[in-house]
Amino acid sequence: MSFLSFFLGEKKKTATVAKERLQMILMHERSGRNAAEPDYLPDLQRDLVAVISKYIKINPDDIKVNLERQDNLEVLEVKIELPDAR
């Protein structure tokens, strides 16, 4: 550990930050606010496009985010269509 990182802290990895954000969003949603239709899905989709675009060229329309509820179960579905590796 360097002297500077001791005082400034370690830089978090992108995956860790994304996981923490997703956990906060899910906790917020489960608290009951906006239970009918979550308002964060468009923002989540934009964030996903931004993160994935750092690594590969992707069309924003190729990422779909959907939340389904069945009884006490909530499923966050994220579909990402990646371009061919040609």
PDB file of N, CA and C in Angstrom:
ATOM      1  N   MET A   1       0.847  -1.175   0.000  1.00  0.00           N
ATOM      2  CA  MET A   1       0.000   0.000   0.000  1.00  0.00           C
ATOM      3  C   MET A   1       0.892   1.239   0.000  1.00  0.00           C
ATOM      4  N   SER A   2       0.652   2.144  -0.877  1.00  0.00           N
ATOM      5  CA  SER A   2       1.471   3.343  -0.949  1.00  0.00           C
ATOM      6  C   SER A   2       0.983   4.379   0.052  1.00  0.00           C
ATOM      7  N   PHE A   3       1.836   5.333   0.309  1.00  0.00           N
ATOM      8  CA  PHE A   3       1.530   6.402   1.241  1.00  0.00           C
ATOM      9  C   PHE A   3       0.293   7.184   0.795  1.00  0.00           C
ATOM     10  N   LEU A   4       0.215   7.481  -0.507  1.00  0.00           N
ATOM     11  CA  LEU A   4      -0.904   8.243  -1.047  1.00  0.00           C
ATOM     12  C   LEU A   4      -2.210   7.465  -0.971  1.00  0.00           C
ATOM     13  N   SER A   5      -2.187   6.188  -1.299  1.00  0.00           N
ATOM     14  CA  SER A   5      -3.423   5.409  -1.262  1.00  0.00           C
ATOM     15  C   SER A   5      -3.928   5.233   0.164  1.00  0.00           C
ATOM     16  N   PHE A   6      -3.005   5.302   1.147  1.00  0.00           N
ATOM     17  CA  PHE A   6      -3.419   5.202   2.547  1.00  0.00           C
ATOM     18  C   PHE A   6      -4.319   6.374   2.920  1.00  0.00           C
ATOM     19  N   PHE A   7      -3.960   7.575   2.459  1.00  0.00           N
ATOM     20  CA  PHE A   7      -4.739   8.760   2.801  1.00  0.00           C
ATOM     21  C   PHE A   7      -5.907   9.014   1.858  1.00  0.00           C
ATOM     22  N   LEU A   8      -5.747   8.685   0.613  1.00  0.00           N
ATOM     23  CA  LEU A   8      -6.794   8.947  -0.373  1.00  0.00           C
ATOM     24  C   LEU A   8      -7.744   7.780  -0.530  1.00  0.00           C
ATOM     25  N   GLY A   9      -7.352   6.612  -0.089  1.00  0.00           N
ATOM     26  CA  GLY A   9      -8.193   5.433  -0.233  1.00  0.00           C
ATOM     27  C   GLY A   9      -7.944   4.751  -1.560  1.00  0.00           C
ATOM     28  N   GLU A  10      -8.331   3.506  -1.623  1.00  0.00           N
ATOM     29  CA  GLU A  10      -8.167   2.725  -2.847  1.00  0.00           C
ATOM     30  C   GLU A  10      -9.284   3.082  -3.823  1.00  0.00           C
ATOM     31  N   LYS A  11      -8.966   3.066  -5.102  1.00  0.00           N
ATOM     32  CA  LYS A  11      -9.984   3.289  -6.127  1.00  0.00           C
ATOM     33  C   LYS A  11     -10.786   2.000  -6.275  1.00  0.00           C
ATOM     34  N   LYS A  12     -12.112   2.118  -6.182  1.00  0.00           N
ATOM     35  CA  LYS A  12     -12.961   0.943  -6.301  1.00  0.00           C
ATOM     36  C   LYS A  12     -13.065   0.510  -7.751  1.00  0.00           C
ATOM     37  N   LYS A  13     -13.187  -0.769  -7.957  1.00  0.00           N
ATOM     38  CA  LYS A  13     -13.351  -1.317  -9.294  1.00  0.00           C
ATOM     39  C   LYS A  13     -14.769  -1.005  -9.787  1.00  0.00           C
ATOM     40  N   THR A  14     -14.917  -0.879 -11.101  1.00  0.00           N
ATOM     41  CA  THR A  14     -16.199  -0.535 -11.707  1.00  0.00           C
ATOM     42  C   THR A  14     -17.281  -1.543 -11.337  1.00  0.00           C
ATOM     43  N   ALA A  15     -16.959  -2.819 -11.341  1.00  0.00           N
ATOM     44  CA  ALA A  15     -17.955  -3.850 -11.015  1.00  0.00           C
ATOM     45  C   ALA A  15     -18.434  -3.704  -9.580  1.00  0.00           C
ATOM     46  N   THR A  16     -17.544  -3.374  -8.665  1.00  0.00           N
ATOM     47  CA  THR A  16     -17.933  -3.199  -7.267  1.00  0.00           C
ATOM     48  C   THR A  16     -18.866  -2.009  -7.111  1.00  0.00           C
ATOM     49  N   VAL A  17     -18.544  -0.914  -7.769  1.00  0.00           N
ATOM     50  CA  VAL A  17     -19.388   0.274  -7.704  1.00  0.00           C
ATOM     51  C   VAL A  17     -20.761  -0.021  -8.301  1.00  0.00           C
ATOM     52  N   ALA A  18     -20.802  -0.698  -9.446  1.00  0.00           N
ATOM     53  CA  ALA A  18     -22.081  -1.038 -10.081  1.00  0.00           C
ATOM     54  C   ALA A  18     -22.907  -1.945  -9.181  1.00  0.00           C
ATOM     55  N   LYS A  19     -22.270  -2.911  -8.531  1.00  0.00           N
ATOM     56  CA  LYS A  19     -22.980  -3.817  -7.627  1.00  0.00           C
ATOM     57  C   LYS A  19     -23.571  -3.051  -6.451  1.00  0.00           C
ATOM     58  N   GLU A  20     -22.800  -2.139  -5.874  1.00  0.00           N
ATOM     59  CA  GLU A  20     -23.295  -1.349  -4.746  1.00  0.00           C
ATOM     60  C   GLU A  20     -24.474  -0.474  -5.163  1.00  0.00           C
ATOM     61  N   ARG A  21     -24.388   0.135  -6.339  1.00  0.00           N
ATOM     62  CA  ARG A  21     -25.496   0.972  -6.828  1.00  0.00           C
ATOM     63  C   ARG A  21     -26.754   0.134  -7.030  1.00  0.00           C
ATOM     64  N   LEU A  22     -26.596  -1.044  -7.612  1.00  0.00           N
ATOM     65  CA  LEU A  22     -27.740  -1.915  -7.846  1.00  0.00           C
ATOM     66  C   LEU A  22     -28.368  -2.350  -6.528  1.00  0.00           C
ATOM     67  N   GLN A  23     -27.555  -2.652  -5.531  1.00  0.00           N
ATOM     68  CA  GLN A  23     -28.082  -3.037  -4.221  1.00  0.00           C
ATOM     69  C   GLN A  23     -28.865  -1.895  -3.592  1.00  0.00           C
ATOM     70  N   MET A  24     -28.365  -0.673  -3.727  1.00  0.00           N
ATOM     71  CA  MET A  24     -29.087   0.481  -3.172  1.00  0.00           C
ATOM     72  C   MET A  24     -30.414   0.690  -3.893  1.00  0.00           C
ATOM     73  N   ILE A  25     -30.403   0.527  -5.200  1.00  0.00           N
ATOM     74  CA  ILE A  25     -31.636   0.683  -5.969  1.00  0.00           C
ATOM     75  C   ILE A  25     -32.664  -0.358  -5.539  1.00  0.00           C
ATOM     76  N   LEU A  26     -32.234  -1.600  -5.384  1.00  0.00           N
ATOM     77  CA  LEU A  26     -33.161  -2.657  -4.981  1.00  0.00           C
ATOM     78  C   LEU A  26     -33.691  -2.429  -3.573  1.00  0.00           C
ATOM     79  N   MET A  27     -32.845  -1.989  -2.649  1.00  0.00           N
ATOM     80  CA  MET A  27     -33.315  -1.695  -1.288  1.00  0.00           C
ATOM     81  C   MET A  27     -34.336  -0.567  -1.313  1.00  0.00           C
ATOM     82  N   HIS A  28     -34.061   0.448  -2.117  1.00  0.00           N
ATOM     83  CA  HIS A  28     -34.978   1.580  -2.237  1.00  0.00           C
ATOM     84  C   HIS A  28     -36.324   1.116  -2.807  1.00  0.00           C
ATOM     85  N   GLU A  29     -36.275   0.275  -3.805  1.00  0.00           N
ATOM     86  CA  GLU A  29     -37.500  -0.219  -4.434  1.00  0.00           C
ATOM     87  C   GLU A  29     -38.292  -1.089  -3.470  1.00  0.00           C
ATOM     88  N   ARG A  30     -37.618  -1.928  -2.715  1.00  0.00           N
ATOM     89  CA  ARG A  30     -38.298  -2.825  -1.783  1.00  0.00           C
ATOM     90  C   ARG A  30     -38.908  -2.101  -0.597  1.00  0.00           C
ATOM     91  N   SER A  31     -38.481  -0.878  -0.358  1.00  0.00           N
ATOM     92  CA  SER A  31     -39.032  -0.121   0.767  1.00  0.00           C
ATOM     93  C   SER A  31     -40.479   0.285   0.519  1.00  0.00           C
ATOM     94  N   GLY A  32     -40.951   0.108  -0.706  1.00  0.00           N
ATOM     95  CA  GLY A  32     -42.356   0.379  -0.989  1.00  0.00           C
ATOM     96  C   GLY A  32     -42.609   1.637  -1.788  1.00  0.00           C
ATOM     97  N   ARG A  33     -41.630   2.531  -1.876  1.00  0.00           N
ATOM     98  CA  ARG A  33     -41.808   3.753  -2.644  1.00  0.00           C
ATOM     99  C   ARG A  33     -41.860   3.414  -4.126  1.00  0.00           C
ATOM    100  N   ASN A  34     -42.816   3.998  -4.820  1.00  0.00           N
ATOM    101  CA  ASN A  34     -43.001   3.749  -6.256  1.00  0.00           C
ATOM    102  C   ASN A  34     -43.182   2.260  -6.543  1.00  0.00           C
ATOM    103  N   ALA A  35     -43.963   1.598  -5.727  1.00  0.00           N
ATOM    104  CA  ALA A  35     -44.141   0.154  -5.863  1.00  0.00           C
ATOM    105  C   ALA A  35     -44.843  -0.228  -7.164  1.00  0.00           C
ATOM    106  N   ALA A  36     -45.659   0.662  -7.704  1.00  0.00           N
ATOM    107  CA  ALA A  36     -46.391   0.325  -8.929  1.00  0.00           C
ATOM    108  C   ALA A  36     -45.445   0.218 -10.130  1.00  0.00           C
ATOM    109  N   GLU A  37     -44.611   1.202 -10.332  1.00  0.00           N
ATOM    110  CA  GLU A  37     -43.681   1.208 -11.462  1.00  0.00           C
ATOM    111  C   GLU A  37     -42.398   1.921 -11.048  1.00  0.00           C
ATOM    112  N   PRO A  38     -41.300   1.209 -11.019  1.00  0.00           N
ATOM    113  CA  PRO A  38     -40.049   1.842 -10.587  1.00  0.00           C
ATOM    114  C   PRO A  38     -39.600   2.917 -11.577  1.00  0.00           C
ATOM    115  N   ASP A  39     -39.151   4.043 -11.049  1.00  0.00           N
ATOM    116  CA  ASP A  39     -38.737   5.145 -11.908  1.00  0.00           C
ATOM    117  C   ASP A  39     -37.249   5.133 -12.220  1.00  0.00           C
ATOM    118  N   TYR A  40     -36.514   4.195 -11.656  1.00  0.00           N
ATOM    119  CA  TYR A  40     -35.070   4.163 -11.842  1.00  0.00           C
ATOM    120  C   TYR A  40     -34.627   3.318 -13.034  1.00  0.00           C
ATOM    121  N   LEU A  41     -35.527   2.563 -13.651  1.00  0.00           N
ATOM    122  CA  LEU A  41     -35.114   1.669 -14.730  1.00  0.00           C
ATOM    123  C   LEU A  41     -34.471   2.396 -15.916  1.00  0.00           C
ATOM    124  N   PRO A  42     -34.995   3.526 -16.369  1.00  0.00           N
ATOM    125  CA  PRO A  42     -34.318   4.236 -17.465  1.00  0.00           C
ATOM    126  C   PRO A  42     -32.908   4.696 -17.073  1.00  0.00           C
ATOM    127  N   ASP A  43     -32.746   5.179 -15.828  1.00  0.00           N
ATOM    128  CA  ASP A  43     -31.412   5.591 -15.363  1.00  0.00           C
ATOM    129  C   ASP A  43     -30.475   4.401 -15.290  1.00  0.00           C
ATOM    130  N   LEU A  44     -30.976   3.277 -14.810  1.00  0.00           N
ATOM    131  CA  LEU A  44     -30.169   2.061 -14.721  1.00  0.00           C
ATOM    132  C   LEU A  44     -29.717   1.631 -16.114  1.00  0.00           C
ATOM    133  N   GLN A  45     -30.628   1.709 -17.079  1.00  0.00           N
ATOM    134  CA  GLN A  45     -30.293   1.328 -18.449  1.00  0.00           C
ATOM    135  C   GLN A  45     -29.213   2.247 -19.017  1.00  0.00           C
ATOM    136  N   ARG A  46     -29.318   3.557 -18.774  1.00  0.00           N
ATOM    137  CA  ARG A  46     -28.302   4.508 -19.246  1.00  0.00           C
ATOM    138  C   ARG A  46     -26.955   4.231 -18.592  1.00  0.00           C
ATOM    139  N   ASP A  47     -26.960   3.929 -17.288  1.00  0.00           N
ATOM    140  CA  ASP A  47     -25.707   3.609 -16.589  1.00  0.00           C
ATOM    141  C   ASP A  47     -25.061   2.359 -17.162  1.00  0.00           C
ATOM    142  N   LEU A  48     -25.871   1.354 -17.461  1.00  0.00           N
ATOM    143  CA  LEU A  48     -25.333   0.123 -18.032  1.00  0.00           C
ATOM    144  C   LEU A  48     -24.706   0.383 -19.398  1.00  0.00           C
ATOM    145  N   VAL A  49     -25.372   1.180 -20.220  1.00  0.00           N
ATOM    146  CA  VAL A  49     -24.829   1.522 -21.539  1.00  0.00           C
ATOM    147  C   VAL A  49     -23.498   2.250 -21.374  1.00  0.00           C
ATOM    148  N   ALA A  50     -23.420   3.177 -20.434  1.00  0.00           N
ATOM    149  CA  ALA A  50     -22.190   3.939 -20.221  1.00  0.00           C
ATOM    150  C   ALA A  50     -21.039   3.041 -19.785  1.00  0.00           C
ATOM    151  N   VAL A  51     -21.308   2.122 -18.871  1.00  0.00           N
ATOM    152  CA  VAL A  51     -20.251   1.238 -18.374  1.00  0.00           C
ATOM    153  C   VAL A  51     -19.793   0.274 -19.462  1.00  0.00           C
ATOM    154  N   ILE A  52     -20.730  -0.351 -20.153  1.00  0.00           N
ATOM    155  CA  ILE A  52     -20.375  -1.327 -21.187  1.00  0.00           C
ATOM    156  C   ILE A  52     -19.667  -0.639 -22.354  1.00  0.00           C
ATOM    157  N   SER A  53     -20.066   0.597 -22.657  1.00  0.00           N
ATOM    158  CA  SER A  53     -19.451   1.340 -23.759  1.00  0.00           C
ATOM    159  C   SER A  53     -17.980   1.648 -23.512  1.00  0.00           C
ATOM    160  N   LYS A  54     -17.542   1.599 -22.265  1.00  0.00           N
ATOM    161  CA  LYS A  54     -16.123   1.808 -21.969  1.00  0.00           C
ATOM    162  C   LYS A  54     -15.274   0.673 -22.540  1.00  0.00           C
ATOM    163  N   TYR A  55     -15.871  -0.490 -22.713  1.00  0.00           N
ATOM    164  CA  TYR A  55     -15.124  -1.676 -23.109  1.00  0.00           C
ATOM    165  C   TYR A  55     -15.414  -2.148 -24.528  1.00  0.00           C
ATOM    166  N   ILE A  56     -16.655  -1.998 -24.975  1.00  0.00           N
ATOM    167  CA  ILE A  56     -17.021  -2.401 -26.337  1.00  0.00           C
ATOM    168  C   ILE A  56     -18.015  -1.400 -26.912  1.00  0.00           C
ATOM    169  N   LYS A  57     -18.049  -1.323 -28.228  1.00  0.00           N
ATOM    170  CA  LYS A  57     -19.027  -0.451 -28.892  1.00  0.00           C
ATOM    171  C   LYS A  57     -20.367  -1.174 -28.891  1.00  0.00           C
ATOM    172  N   ILE A  58     -21.375  -0.501 -28.345  1.00  0.00           N
ATOM    173  CA  ILE A  58     -22.689  -1.131 -28.220  1.00  0.00           C
ATOM    174  C   ILE A  58     -23.779  -0.110 -28.532  1.00  0.00           C
ATOM    175  N   ASN A  59     -24.846  -0.584 -29.121  1.00  0.00           N
ATOM    176  CA  ASN A  59     -26.008   0.229 -29.413  1.00  0.00           C
ATOM    177  C   ASN A  59     -26.869   0.315 -28.147  1.00  0.00           C
ATOM    178  N   PRO A  60     -27.250   1.503 -27.691  1.00  0.00           N
ATOM    179  CA  PRO A  60     -28.069   1.625 -26.483  1.00  0.00           C
ATOM    180  C   PRO A  60     -29.382   0.836 -26.542  1.00  0.00           C
ATOM    181  N   ASP A  61     -29.887   0.604 -27.741  1.00  0.00           N
ATOM    182  CA  ASP A  61     -31.133  -0.157 -27.879  1.00  0.00           C
ATOM    183  C   ASP A  61     -30.921  -1.650 -27.651  1.00  0.00           C
ATOM    184  N   ASP A  62     -29.673  -2.087 -27.541  1.00  0.00           N
ATOM    185  CA  ASP A  62     -29.370  -3.501 -27.340  1.00  0.00           C
ATOM    186  C   ASP A  62     -29.375  -3.910 -25.863  1.00  0.00           C
ATOM    187  N   ILE A  63     -29.727  -2.978 -24.980  1.00  0.00           N
ATOM    188  CA  ILE A  63     -29.815  -3.285 -23.550  1.00  0.00           C
ATOM    189  C   ILE A  63     -31.250  -3.042 -23.105  1.00  0.00           C
ATOM    190  N   LYS A  64     -31.847  -4.066 -22.540  1.00  0.00           N
ATOM    191  CA  LYS A  64     -33.223  -3.992 -22.039  1.00  0.00           C
ATOM    192  C   LYS A  64     -33.225  -4.318 -20.549  1.00  0.00           C
ATOM    193  N   VAL A  65     -33.904  -3.490 -19.760  1.00  0.00           N
ATOM    194  CA  VAL A  65     -34.003  -3.692 -18.319  1.00  0.00           C
ATOM    195  C   VAL A  65     -35.487  -3.807 -17.977  1.00  0.00           C
ATOM    196  N   ASN A  66     -35.819  -4.851 -17.213  1.00  0.00           N
ATOM    197  CA  ASN A  66     -37.215  -5.100 -16.877  1.00  0.00           C
ATOM    198  C   ASN A  66     -37.306  -5.603 -15.437  1.00  0.00           C
ATOM    199  N   LEU A  67     -38.332  -5.185 -14.717  1.00  0.00           N
ATOM    200  CA  LEU A  67     -38.575  -5.652 -13.361  1.00  0.00           C
ATOM    201  C   LEU A  67     -39.925  -6.354 -13.336  1.00  0.00           C
ATOM    202  N   GLU A  68     -39.925  -7.597 -12.880  1.00  0.00           N
ATOM    203  CA  GLU A  68     -41.165  -8.374 -12.788  1.00  0.00           C
ATOM    204  C   GLU A  68     -41.425  -8.723 -11.341  1.00  0.00           C
ATOM    205  N   ARG A  69     -42.695  -8.683 -10.945  1.00  0.00           N
ATOM    206  CA  ARG A  69     -43.081  -9.049  -9.583  1.00  0.00           C
ATOM    207  C   ARG A  69     -44.079 -10.194  -9.640  1.00  0.00           C
ATOM    208  N   GLN A  70     -43.834 -11.184  -8.774  1.00  0.00           N
ATOM    209  CA  GLN A  70     -44.759 -12.310  -8.627  1.00  0.00           C
ATOM    210  C   GLN A  70     -44.818 -12.626  -7.150  1.00  0.00           C
ATOM    211  N   ASP A  71     -45.948 -12.361  -6.517  1.00  0.00           N
ATOM    212  CA  ASP A  71     -46.120 -12.546  -5.078  1.00  0.00           C
ATOM    213  C   ASP A  71     -45.042 -11.760  -4.327  1.00  0.00           C
ATOM    214  N   ASN A  72     -44.205 -12.430  -3.557  1.00  0.00           N
ATOM    215  CA  ASN A  72     -43.143 -11.752  -2.797  1.00  0.00           C
ATOM    216  C   ASN A  72     -41.804 -11.781  -3.507  1.00  0.00           C
ATOM    217  N   LEU A  73     -41.784 -12.160  -4.756  1.00  0.00           N
ATOM    218  CA  LEU A  73     -40.547 -12.303  -5.510  1.00  0.00           C
ATOM    219  C   LEU A  73     -40.435 -11.184  -6.541  1.00  0.00           C
ATOM    220  N   GLU A  74     -39.268 -10.540  -6.571  1.00  0.00           N
ATOM    221  CA  GLU A  74     -38.983  -9.530  -7.585  1.00  0.00           C
ATOM    222  C   GLU A  74     -37.793  -9.998  -8.409  1.00  0.00           C
ATOM    223  N   VAL A  75     -37.928  -9.901  -9.726  1.00  0.00           N
ATOM    224  CA  VAL A  75     -36.850 -10.329 -10.623  1.00  0.00           C
ATOM    225  C   VAL A  75     -36.462  -9.140 -11.496  1.00  0.00           C
ATOM    226  N   LEU A  76     -35.182  -8.761 -11.385  1.00  0.00           N
ATOM    227  CA  LEU A  76     -34.638  -7.725 -12.249  1.00  0.00           C
ATOM    228  C   LEU A  76     -33.964  -8.436 -13.409  1.00  0.00           C
ATOM    229  N   GLU A  77     -34.503  -8.228 -14.600  1.00  0.00           N
ATOM    230  CA  GLU A  77     -33.985  -8.894 -15.792  1.00  0.00           C
ATOM    231  C   GLU A  77     -33.241  -7.875 -16.644  1.00  0.00           C
ATOM    232  N   VAL A  78     -32.003  -8.199 -16.980  1.00  0.00           N
ATOM    233  CA  VAL A  78     -31.193  -7.338 -17.827  1.00  0.00           C
ATOM    234  C   VAL A  78     -30.751  -8.174 -19.027  1.00  0.00           C
ATOM    235  N   LYS A  79     -31.173  -7.753 -20.209  1.00  0.00           N
ATOM    236  CA  LYS A  79     -30.786  -8.432 -21.442  1.00  0.00           C
ATOM    237  C   LYS A  79     -29.839  -7.523 -22.210  1.00  0.00           C
ATOM    238  N   ILE A  80     -28.656  -8.048 -22.507  1.00  0.00           N
ATOM    239  CA  ILE A  80     -27.650  -7.284 -23.229  1.00  0.00           C
ATOM    240  C   ILE A  80     -27.258  -8.062 -24.473  1.00  0.00           C
ATOM    241  N   GLU A  81     -27.503  -7.462 -25.614  1.00  0.00           N
ATOM    242  CA  GLU A  81     -27.123  -8.082 -26.879  1.00  0.00           C
ATOM    243  C   GLU A  81     -25.763  -7.528 -27.280  1.00  0.00           C
ATOM    244  N   LEU A  82     -24.757  -8.385 -27.246  1.00  0.00           N
ATOM    245  CA  LEU A  82     -23.400  -7.965 -27.572  1.00  0.00           C
ATOM    246  C   LEU A  82     -23.145  -8.123 -29.064  1.00  0.00           C
ATOM    247  N   PRO A  83     -22.346  -7.239 -29.629  1.00  0.00           N
ATOM    248  CA  PRO A  83     -22.038  -7.348 -31.066  1.00  0.00           C
ATOM    249  C   PRO A  83     -21.164  -8.566 -31.327  1.00  0.00           C
ATOM    250  N   ASP A  84     -21.187  -9.031 -32.579  1.00  0.00           N
ATOM    251  CA  ASP A  84     -20.352 -10.152 -32.976  1.00  0.00           C
ATOM    252  C   ASP A  84     -18.886  -9.784 -32.798  1.00  0.00           C
ATOM    253  N   ALA A  85     -18.063 -10.786 -32.494  1.00  0.00           N
ATOM    254  CA  ALA A  85     -16.637 -10.545 -32.247  1.00  0.00           C
ATOM    255  C   ALA A  85     -15.818 -10.571 -33.542  1.00  0.00           C
ATOM    256  N   ARG A  86     -16.434 -10.331 -34.655  1.00  0.00           N
ATOM    257  CA  ARG A  86     -15.720 -10.352 -35.943  1.00  0.00           C
ATOM    258  C   ARG A  86     -14.891  -9.152 -36.158  1.00  0.00           C
TER     259      ARG A  86
END
